[in-house]
Amino acid sequence: MNDLLQPLNLPPHPFKITEHEGVYSLFDELRKRNIIITPEEWVRQHFVQYLIKQKGYPKTLIGLEGGLKLHGMQRRSDILVRNNKGEKVMLVECKAPSVNITQATFDQVARYNMVHKVPLLAVTNGLNHYYCKIDLINESYSFLQDLPEYIQISS
């Protein structure tokens, strides 16, 4: 279990964790059900709490594991955030802490963004976090030092 629930470079959160026959689950506040904890899910849940508690993102505007169709194949984005108008504003790709963030990770989130067309991308493995502002018109991007608070991107 220690590898599964390893400390991350995100604020800790008092999740409701249960164990049944050696399988650990936590209560997902957004999906309102227990979710089996995998290393990637551990990162996703912590990042969601970071968005809500530290950056002021409303729970109701955060979607988890949404489906998307890319080149005729069904894919799943980890976290998709909308503004109060319902427009997609941020896409987050989560990896397990043991997975290094590489160019392939950025390529994956960029491919997903061909569908979503959001102005802000985040990539995290729970230990390292990268944020990019996307200029969809000029087809360019720039890295950000920190993730903007919701109030900064909500208009």
N, C-alpha and C. Protein backbone atom coordinates (compact mmCIF):
# COMPACT_ATOMS: atom_id res chain seq x y z
N MET A 1 0.82 -1.20 0.00
CA MET A 1 0.00 0.00 0.00
C MET A 1 0.87 1.26 0.00
N ASN A 2 2.04 1.24 0.63
CA ASN A 2 2.85 2.45 0.72
C ASN A 2 3.22 3.00 -0.66
N ASP A 3 3.54 2.11 -1.61
CA ASP A 3 3.85 2.58 -2.96
C ASP A 3 2.62 3.21 -3.60
N LEU A 4 1.47 2.63 -3.31
CA LEU A 4 0.22 3.10 -3.91
C LEU A 4 -0.17 4.49 -3.40
N LEU A 5 0.04 4.73 -2.12
CA LEU A 5 -0.37 5.99 -1.50
C LEU A 5 0.82 6.88 -1.18
N GLN A 6 1.77 6.92 -2.08
CA GLN A 6 3.00 7.67 -1.82
C GLN A 6 2.74 9.17 -1.72
N PRO A 7 3.55 9.86 -0.92
CA PRO A 7 3.43 11.32 -0.85
C PRO A 7 3.74 11.95 -2.21
N LEU A 8 3.00 13.00 -2.54
CA LEU A 8 3.17 13.68 -3.81
C LEU A 8 3.60 15.11 -3.58
N ASN A 9 3.98 15.78 -4.65
CA ASN A 9 4.33 17.19 -4.59
C ASN A 9 3.07 18.02 -4.79
N LEU A 10 2.05 17.67 -4.02
CA LEU A 10 0.76 18.34 -4.00
C LEU A 10 0.30 18.34 -2.54
N PRO A 11 -0.55 19.27 -2.14
CA PRO A 11 -1.02 19.27 -0.76
C PRO A 11 -1.74 17.96 -0.43
N PRO A 12 -1.50 17.42 0.77
CA PRO A 12 -2.21 16.19 1.17
C PRO A 12 -3.70 16.48 1.35
N HIS A 13 -4.49 15.43 1.23
CA HIS A 13 -5.94 15.57 1.40
C HIS A 13 -6.43 14.37 2.22
N PRO A 14 -7.35 14.59 3.16
CA PRO A 14 -7.85 13.47 3.99
C PRO A 14 -8.93 12.66 3.25
N PHE A 15 -8.51 11.88 2.27
CA PHE A 15 -9.46 11.06 1.52
C PHE A 15 -10.08 9.99 2.42
N LYS A 16 -11.30 9.59 2.09
CA LYS A 16 -11.96 8.48 2.77
C LYS A 16 -11.52 7.21 2.04
N ILE A 17 -10.55 6.51 2.64
CA ILE A 17 -9.97 5.32 2.00
C ILE A 17 -10.51 4.07 2.69
N THR A 18 -10.89 3.11 1.88
CA THR A 18 -11.35 1.82 2.39
C THR A 18 -10.55 0.71 1.73
N GLU A 19 -10.51 -0.45 2.40
CA GLU A 19 -9.79 -1.60 1.88
C GLU A 19 -10.73 -2.80 1.90
N HIS A 20 -10.75 -3.55 0.81
CA HIS A 20 -11.55 -4.77 0.73
C HIS A 20 -10.73 -5.81 -0.01
N GLU A 21 -10.36 -6.86 0.70
CA GLU A 21 -9.59 -7.96 0.14
C GLU A 21 -8.32 -7.47 -0.56
N GLY A 22 -7.63 -6.55 0.09
CA GLY A 22 -6.35 -6.06 -0.42
C GLY A 22 -6.46 -5.00 -1.50
N VAL A 23 -7.68 -4.59 -1.84
CA VAL A 23 -7.88 -3.55 -2.86
C VAL A 23 -8.31 -2.27 -2.14
N TYR A 24 -7.59 -1.20 -2.40
CA TYR A 24 -7.87 0.08 -1.75
C TYR A 24 -8.70 0.97 -2.68
N SER A 25 -9.67 1.63 -2.08
CA SER A 25 -10.54 2.55 -2.80
C SER A 25 -10.62 3.86 -2.03
N LEU A 26 -11.00 4.90 -2.74
CA LEU A 26 -11.28 6.17 -2.06
C LEU A 26 -12.58 6.73 -2.60
N PHE A 27 -13.21 7.55 -1.78
CA PHE A 27 -14.46 8.16 -2.22
C PHE A 27 -14.14 9.37 -3.07
N ASP A 28 -14.59 9.36 -4.31
CA ASP A 28 -14.38 10.45 -5.25
C ASP A 28 -15.52 11.44 -5.07
N GLU A 29 -15.19 12.64 -4.60
CA GLU A 29 -16.20 13.67 -4.33
C GLU A 29 -16.93 14.14 -5.59
N LEU A 30 -16.27 14.08 -6.73
CA LEU A 30 -16.90 14.56 -7.96
C LEU A 30 -17.80 13.51 -8.58
N ARG A 31 -17.35 12.28 -8.61
CA ARG A 31 -18.16 11.21 -9.22
C ARG A 31 -19.11 10.58 -8.22
N LYS A 32 -18.96 10.96 -6.95
CA LYS A 32 -19.85 10.50 -5.86
C LYS A 32 -19.89 8.97 -5.74
N ARG A 33 -18.71 8.35 -5.84
CA ARG A 33 -18.63 6.90 -5.66
C ARG A 33 -17.20 6.52 -5.32
N ASN A 34 -17.05 5.28 -4.83
CA ASN A 34 -15.71 4.78 -4.53
C ASN A 34 -14.99 4.41 -5.82
N ILE A 35 -13.72 4.77 -5.87
CA ILE A 35 -12.87 4.52 -7.03
C ILE A 35 -11.66 3.73 -6.55
N ILE A 36 -11.31 2.67 -7.27
CA ILE A 36 -10.11 1.90 -6.92
C ILE A 36 -8.89 2.79 -7.10
N ILE A 37 -8.01 2.75 -6.13
CA ILE A 37 -6.81 3.59 -6.17
C ILE A 37 -5.73 2.89 -6.99
N THR A 38 -5.36 3.54 -8.07
CA THR A 38 -4.19 3.17 -8.84
C THR A 38 -3.22 4.34 -8.67
N PRO A 39 -1.94 4.17 -9.01
CA PRO A 39 -1.03 5.32 -8.88
C PRO A 39 -1.50 6.54 -9.67
N GLU A 40 -2.04 6.34 -10.88
CA GLU A 40 -2.53 7.46 -11.67
C GLU A 40 -3.76 8.11 -11.03
N GLU A 41 -4.66 7.28 -10.49
CA GLU A 41 -5.85 7.82 -9.82
C GLU A 41 -5.46 8.62 -8.59
N TRP A 42 -4.45 8.16 -7.86
CA TRP A 42 -3.94 8.87 -6.69
C TRP A 42 -3.51 10.28 -7.09
N VAL A 43 -2.80 10.40 -8.20
CA VAL A 43 -2.37 11.71 -8.71
C VAL A 43 -3.58 12.53 -9.13
N ARG A 44 -4.49 11.92 -9.89
CA ARG A 44 -5.69 12.64 -10.37
C ARG A 44 -6.48 13.20 -9.20
N GLN A 45 -6.72 12.41 -8.18
CA GLN A 45 -7.51 12.86 -7.02
C GLN A 45 -6.82 14.01 -6.28
N HIS A 46 -5.50 13.91 -6.11
CA HIS A 46 -4.78 14.99 -5.45
C HIS A 46 -4.79 16.27 -6.29
N PHE A 47 -4.64 16.12 -7.60
CA PHE A 47 -4.62 17.31 -8.45
C PHE A 47 -5.98 17.99 -8.45
N VAL A 48 -7.04 17.22 -8.45
CA VAL A 48 -8.39 17.79 -8.37
C VAL A 48 -8.55 18.59 -7.08
N GLN A 49 -8.10 18.02 -5.97
CA GLN A 49 -8.20 18.74 -4.69
C GLN A 49 -7.35 20.01 -4.70
N TYR A 50 -6.20 19.95 -5.35
CA TYR A 50 -5.35 21.13 -5.50
C TYR A 50 -6.09 22.22 -6.29
N LEU A 51 -6.75 21.82 -7.38
CA LEU A 51 -7.52 22.78 -8.17
C LEU A 51 -8.61 23.43 -7.33
N ILE A 52 -9.32 22.62 -6.56
CA ILE A 52 -10.44 23.12 -5.78
C ILE A 52 -9.98 23.97 -4.60
N LYS A 53 -9.08 23.43 -3.80
CA LYS A 53 -8.73 24.08 -2.53
C LYS A 53 -7.68 25.20 -2.66
N GLN A 54 -6.68 25.00 -3.51
CA GLN A 54 -5.62 26.00 -3.62
C GLN A 54 -5.87 27.02 -4.73
N LYS A 55 -6.55 26.59 -5.80
CA LYS A 55 -6.69 27.46 -6.97
C LYS A 55 -8.11 27.94 -7.21
N GLY A 56 -9.06 27.52 -6.38
CA GLY A 56 -10.41 28.06 -6.44
C GLY A 56 -11.27 27.59 -7.60
N TYR A 57 -10.97 26.44 -8.17
CA TYR A 57 -11.78 25.90 -9.27
C TYR A 57 -13.04 25.26 -8.69
N PRO A 58 -14.22 25.62 -9.18
CA PRO A 58 -15.46 25.03 -8.65
C PRO A 58 -15.56 23.53 -9.01
N LYS A 59 -15.95 22.74 -8.01
CA LYS A 59 -16.13 21.29 -8.22
C LYS A 59 -17.04 20.99 -9.39
N THR A 60 -18.10 21.78 -9.50
CA THR A 60 -19.13 21.50 -10.51
C THR A 60 -18.64 21.71 -11.94
N LEU A 61 -17.49 22.37 -12.10
CA LEU A 61 -16.98 22.65 -13.45
C LEU A 61 -15.79 21.76 -13.82
N ILE A 62 -15.52 20.76 -12.99
CA ILE A 62 -14.41 19.83 -13.23
C ILE A 62 -14.98 18.48 -13.64
N GLY A 63 -14.56 18.00 -14.80
CA GLY A 63 -14.98 16.69 -15.28
C GLY A 63 -13.81 15.72 -15.27
N LEU A 64 -14.08 14.47 -14.87
CA LEU A 64 -13.03 13.46 -14.80
C LEU A 64 -13.25 12.36 -15.82
N GLU A 65 -12.16 11.95 -16.41
CA GLU A 65 -12.13 10.83 -17.35
C GLU A 65 -13.23 10.91 -18.41
N GLY A 66 -13.26 12.04 -19.07
CA GLY A 66 -14.24 12.23 -20.14
C GLY A 66 -13.79 11.58 -21.43
N GLY A 67 -14.73 11.03 -22.15
CA GLY A 67 -14.40 10.38 -23.42
C GLY A 67 -14.22 11.40 -24.53
N LEU A 68 -13.38 11.04 -25.49
CA LEU A 68 -13.21 11.84 -26.68
C LEU A 68 -12.84 10.92 -27.83
N LYS A 69 -13.16 11.33 -29.02
CA LYS A 69 -12.84 10.53 -30.20
C LYS A 69 -11.71 11.23 -30.94
N LEU A 70 -10.62 10.50 -31.19
CA LEU A 70 -9.45 11.05 -31.85
C LEU A 70 -9.02 10.10 -32.94
N HIS A 71 -9.03 10.58 -34.18
CA HIS A 71 -8.66 9.74 -35.34
C HIS A 71 -9.48 8.46 -35.36
N GLY A 72 -10.76 8.57 -35.03
CA GLY A 72 -11.66 7.44 -35.07
C GLY A 72 -11.53 6.48 -33.91
N MET A 73 -10.66 6.80 -32.95
CA MET A 73 -10.46 5.92 -31.79
C MET A 73 -10.96 6.60 -30.53
N GLN A 74 -11.54 5.81 -29.65
CA GLN A 74 -12.05 6.35 -28.38
C GLN A 74 -10.88 6.53 -27.41
N ARG A 75 -10.75 7.71 -26.84
CA ARG A 75 -9.72 8.04 -25.85
C ARG A 75 -10.41 8.61 -24.62
N ARG A 76 -9.62 8.86 -23.58
CA ARG A 76 -10.17 9.41 -22.35
C ARG A 76 -9.23 10.47 -21.79
N SER A 77 -9.75 11.67 -21.60
CA SER A 77 -8.95 12.72 -20.98
C SER A 77 -9.12 12.64 -19.46
N ASP A 78 -8.06 12.95 -18.72
CA ASP A 78 -8.10 12.80 -17.26
C ASP A 78 -8.98 13.84 -16.58
N ILE A 79 -8.67 15.11 -16.80
CA ILE A 79 -9.41 16.19 -16.16
C ILE A 79 -9.70 17.26 -17.20
N LEU A 80 -10.95 17.67 -17.28
CA LEU A 80 -11.35 18.75 -18.18
C LEU A 80 -12.11 19.78 -17.35
N VAL A 81 -11.64 21.02 -17.40
CA VAL A 81 -12.25 22.10 -16.61
C VAL A 81 -12.96 23.06 -17.55
N ARG A 82 -14.13 23.50 -17.13
CA ARG A 82 -14.91 24.49 -17.88
C ARG A 82 -15.01 25.79 -17.07
N ASN A 83 -15.35 26.86 -17.76
CA ASN A 83 -15.62 28.11 -17.04
C ASN A 83 -17.12 28.18 -16.75
N ASN A 84 -17.55 29.27 -16.13
CA ASN A 84 -18.96 29.37 -15.74
C ASN A 84 -19.91 29.54 -16.93
N LYS A 85 -19.37 29.70 -18.14
CA LYS A 85 -20.19 29.74 -19.35
C LYS A 85 -20.28 28.36 -20.00
N GLY A 86 -19.60 27.38 -19.41
CA GLY A 86 -19.60 26.03 -19.96
C GLY A 86 -18.53 25.78 -21.00
N GLU A 87 -17.67 26.77 -21.23
CA GLU A 87 -16.61 26.62 -22.22
C GLU A 87 -15.43 25.87 -21.61
N LYS A 88 -14.82 25.00 -22.40
CA LYS A 88 -13.64 24.25 -21.94
C LYS A 88 -12.46 25.21 -21.82
N VAL A 89 -11.81 25.21 -20.64
CA VAL A 89 -10.70 26.14 -20.43
C VAL A 89 -9.38 25.46 -20.06
N MET A 90 -9.43 24.22 -19.56
CA MET A 90 -8.18 23.56 -19.18
C MET A 90 -8.32 22.05 -19.32
N LEU A 91 -7.24 21.44 -19.80
CA LEU A 91 -7.13 19.99 -19.93
C LEU A 91 -5.92 19.56 -19.12
N VAL A 92 -6.10 18.54 -18.27
CA VAL A 92 -5.02 18.04 -17.43
C VAL A 92 -4.78 16.57 -17.75
N GLU A 93 -3.53 16.23 -17.99
CA GLU A 93 -3.12 14.84 -18.21
C GLU A 93 -2.35 14.39 -16.98
N CYS A 94 -2.82 13.30 -16.36
CA CYS A 94 -2.18 12.77 -15.15
C CYS A 94 -1.48 11.46 -15.47
N LYS A 95 -0.31 11.30 -14.91
CA LYS A 95 0.47 10.07 -15.02
C LYS A 95 0.80 9.58 -13.62
N ALA A 96 1.13 8.32 -13.50
CA ALA A 96 1.57 7.76 -12.23
C ALA A 96 2.92 8.40 -11.85
N PRO A 97 3.22 8.49 -10.55
CA PRO A 97 4.49 9.09 -10.13
C PRO A 97 5.72 8.38 -10.72
N SER A 98 5.60 7.12 -11.02
CA SER A 98 6.73 6.37 -11.59
C SER A 98 6.96 6.66 -13.07
N VAL A 99 6.01 7.37 -13.70
CA VAL A 99 6.11 7.67 -15.13
C VAL A 99 6.75 9.05 -15.29
N ASN A 100 7.87 9.09 -16.00
CA ASN A 100 8.52 10.37 -16.27
C ASN A 100 7.71 11.15 -17.29
N ILE A 101 7.67 12.46 -17.10
CA ILE A 101 6.99 13.33 -18.06
C ILE A 101 7.98 13.55 -19.21
N THR A 102 7.59 13.10 -20.40
CA THR A 102 8.47 13.18 -21.56
C THR A 102 7.76 13.91 -22.69
N GLN A 103 8.45 14.03 -23.80
CA GLN A 103 7.84 14.65 -24.98
C GLN A 103 6.60 13.86 -25.40
N ALA A 104 6.63 12.55 -25.23
CA ALA A 104 5.48 11.71 -25.59
C ALA A 104 4.24 12.11 -24.78
N THR A 105 4.44 12.49 -23.52
CA THR A 105 3.33 12.92 -22.68
C THR A 105 2.74 14.22 -23.21
N PHE A 106 3.62 15.15 -23.57
CA PHE A 106 3.14 16.42 -24.14
C PHE A 106 2.46 16.19 -25.49
N ASP A 107 2.99 15.26 -26.28
CA ASP A 107 2.37 14.94 -27.56
C ASP A 107 0.96 14.39 -27.34
N GLN A 108 0.81 13.54 -26.32
CA GLN A 108 -0.51 12.96 -26.03
C GLN A 108 -1.52 14.05 -25.69
N VAL A 109 -1.16 14.95 -24.77
CA VAL A 109 -2.11 15.99 -24.37
C VAL A 109 -2.35 16.97 -25.52
N ALA A 110 -1.35 17.18 -26.37
CA ALA A 110 -1.55 18.05 -27.54
C ALA A 110 -2.53 17.40 -28.53
N ARG A 111 -2.44 16.09 -28.70
CA ARG A 111 -3.40 15.39 -29.58
C ARG A 111 -4.81 15.51 -29.01
N TYR A 112 -4.96 15.32 -27.69
CA TYR A 112 -6.27 15.46 -27.06
C TYR A 112 -6.80 16.88 -27.25
N ASN A 113 -5.89 17.83 -27.22
CA ASN A 113 -6.33 19.22 -27.34
C ASN A 113 -6.74 19.56 -28.77
N MET A 114 -6.37 18.75 -29.75
CA MET A 114 -6.88 18.95 -31.11
C MET A 114 -8.40 18.79 -31.11
N VAL A 115 -8.91 18.00 -30.17
CA VAL A 115 -10.36 17.81 -30.03
C VAL A 115 -10.95 18.89 -29.13
N HIS A 116 -10.34 19.10 -27.96
CA HIS A 116 -10.92 20.01 -26.96
C HIS A 116 -10.69 21.49 -27.26
N LYS A 117 -9.53 21.82 -27.82
CA LYS A 117 -9.18 23.22 -28.15
C LYS A 117 -9.28 24.15 -26.94
N VAL A 118 -8.58 23.79 -25.86
CA VAL A 118 -8.57 24.60 -24.65
C VAL A 118 -7.34 25.51 -24.62
N PRO A 119 -7.42 26.63 -23.92
CA PRO A 119 -6.28 27.56 -23.87
C PRO A 119 -5.24 27.23 -22.79
N LEU A 120 -5.49 26.22 -21.96
CA LEU A 120 -4.56 25.91 -20.88
C LEU A 120 -4.41 24.40 -20.74
N LEU A 121 -3.16 23.94 -20.75
CA LEU A 121 -2.87 22.52 -20.57
C LEU A 121 -2.00 22.34 -19.34
N ALA A 122 -2.24 21.22 -18.64
CA ALA A 122 -1.41 20.86 -17.50
C ALA A 122 -1.05 19.39 -17.63
N VAL A 123 0.18 19.07 -17.26
CA VAL A 123 0.66 17.69 -17.26
C VAL A 123 1.31 17.46 -15.90
N THR A 124 0.95 16.36 -15.23
CA THR A 124 1.51 16.08 -13.92
C THR A 124 1.67 14.58 -13.69
N ASN A 125 2.69 14.24 -12.93
CA ASN A 125 2.81 12.87 -12.41
C ASN A 125 2.75 12.91 -10.88
N GLY A 126 2.25 14.01 -10.36
CA GLY A 126 2.13 14.17 -8.92
C GLY A 126 3.39 14.71 -8.27
N LEU A 127 4.50 14.55 -8.95
CA LEU A 127 5.79 15.03 -8.43
C LEU A 127 6.25 16.25 -9.21
N ASN A 128 6.05 16.21 -10.53
CA ASN A 128 6.41 17.32 -11.42
C ASN A 128 5.15 17.77 -12.15
N HIS A 129 5.01 19.09 -12.27
CA HIS A 129 3.83 19.66 -12.91
C HIS A 129 4.29 20.68 -13.96
N TYR A 130 3.65 20.63 -15.12
CA TYR A 130 3.97 21.55 -16.21
C TYR A 130 2.68 22.17 -16.70
N TYR A 131 2.73 23.48 -16.96
CA TYR A 131 1.55 24.21 -17.39
C TYR A 131 1.88 24.98 -18.67
N CYS A 132 1.00 24.91 -19.65
CA CYS A 132 1.20 25.60 -20.93
C CYS A 132 -0.02 26.44 -21.27
N LYS A 133 0.23 27.64 -21.70
CA LYS A 133 -0.83 28.50 -22.25
C LYS A 133 -0.79 28.30 -23.75
N ILE A 134 -1.93 27.99 -24.32
CA ILE A 134 -2.03 27.68 -25.74
C ILE A 134 -2.66 28.86 -26.48
N ASP A 135 -1.99 29.29 -27.53
CA ASP A 135 -2.54 30.31 -28.42
C ASP A 135 -3.09 29.55 -29.63
N LEU A 136 -4.39 29.30 -29.63
CA LEU A 136 -5.01 28.50 -30.68
C LEU A 136 -4.99 29.20 -32.04
N ILE A 137 -5.05 30.52 -32.04
CA ILE A 137 -5.08 31.27 -33.30
C ILE A 137 -3.72 31.21 -33.99
N ASN A 138 -2.66 31.48 -33.23
CA ASN A 138 -1.31 31.49 -33.80
C ASN A 138 -0.62 30.12 -33.73
N GLU A 139 -1.34 29.12 -33.19
CA GLU A 139 -0.81 27.76 -33.06
C GLU A 139 0.55 27.75 -32.38
N SER A 140 0.60 28.39 -31.21
CA SER A 140 1.84 28.42 -30.44
C SER A 140 1.50 28.18 -28.97
N TYR A 141 2.53 28.03 -28.16
CA TYR A 141 2.33 27.81 -26.73
C TYR A 141 3.49 28.42 -25.96
N SER A 142 3.25 28.63 -24.68
CA SER A 142 4.31 29.09 -23.78
C SER A 142 4.10 28.42 -22.43
N PHE A 143 5.20 28.04 -21.80
CA PHE A 143 5.12 27.42 -20.49
C PHE A 143 4.88 28.49 -19.42
N LEU A 144 4.12 28.12 -18.41
CA LEU A 144 3.82 29.00 -17.29
C LEU A 144 4.55 28.50 -16.05
N GLN A 145 4.96 29.41 -15.18
CA GLN A 145 5.62 29.02 -13.93
C GLN A 145 4.66 28.36 -12.96
N ASP A 146 3.40 28.83 -12.98
CA ASP A 146 2.41 28.35 -12.02
C ASP A 146 1.06 28.26 -12.72
N LEU A 147 0.20 27.48 -12.15
CA LEU A 147 -1.15 27.32 -12.68
C LEU A 147 -1.99 28.53 -12.26
N PRO A 148 -2.66 29.18 -13.21
CA PRO A 148 -3.51 30.31 -12.84
C PRO A 148 -4.66 29.88 -11.92
N GLU A 149 -5.08 30.79 -11.08
CA GLU A 149 -6.26 30.54 -10.27
C GLU A 149 -7.49 30.62 -11.17
N TYR A 150 -8.58 30.00 -10.73
CA TYR A 150 -9.78 29.95 -11.54
C TYR A 150 -10.26 31.34 -11.92
N ILE A 151 -10.22 32.26 -10.99
CA ILE A 151 -10.71 33.63 -11.24
C ILE A 151 -9.98 34.27 -12.42
N GLN A 152 -8.71 33.87 -12.65
CA GLN A 152 -7.92 34.45 -13.73
C GLN A 152 -8.31 33.92 -15.11
N ILE A 153 -8.92 32.74 -15.16
CA ILE A 153 -9.24 32.15 -16.46
C ILE A 153 -10.75 32.00 -16.69
N SER A 154 -11.56 32.42 -15.73
CA SER A 154 -12.98 32.11 -15.78
C SER A 154 -13.81 33.01 -16.69
N SER A 155 -13.25 34.11 -17.14
CA SER A 155 -14.06 35.02 -17.95
C SER A 155 -14.10 34.59 -19.41
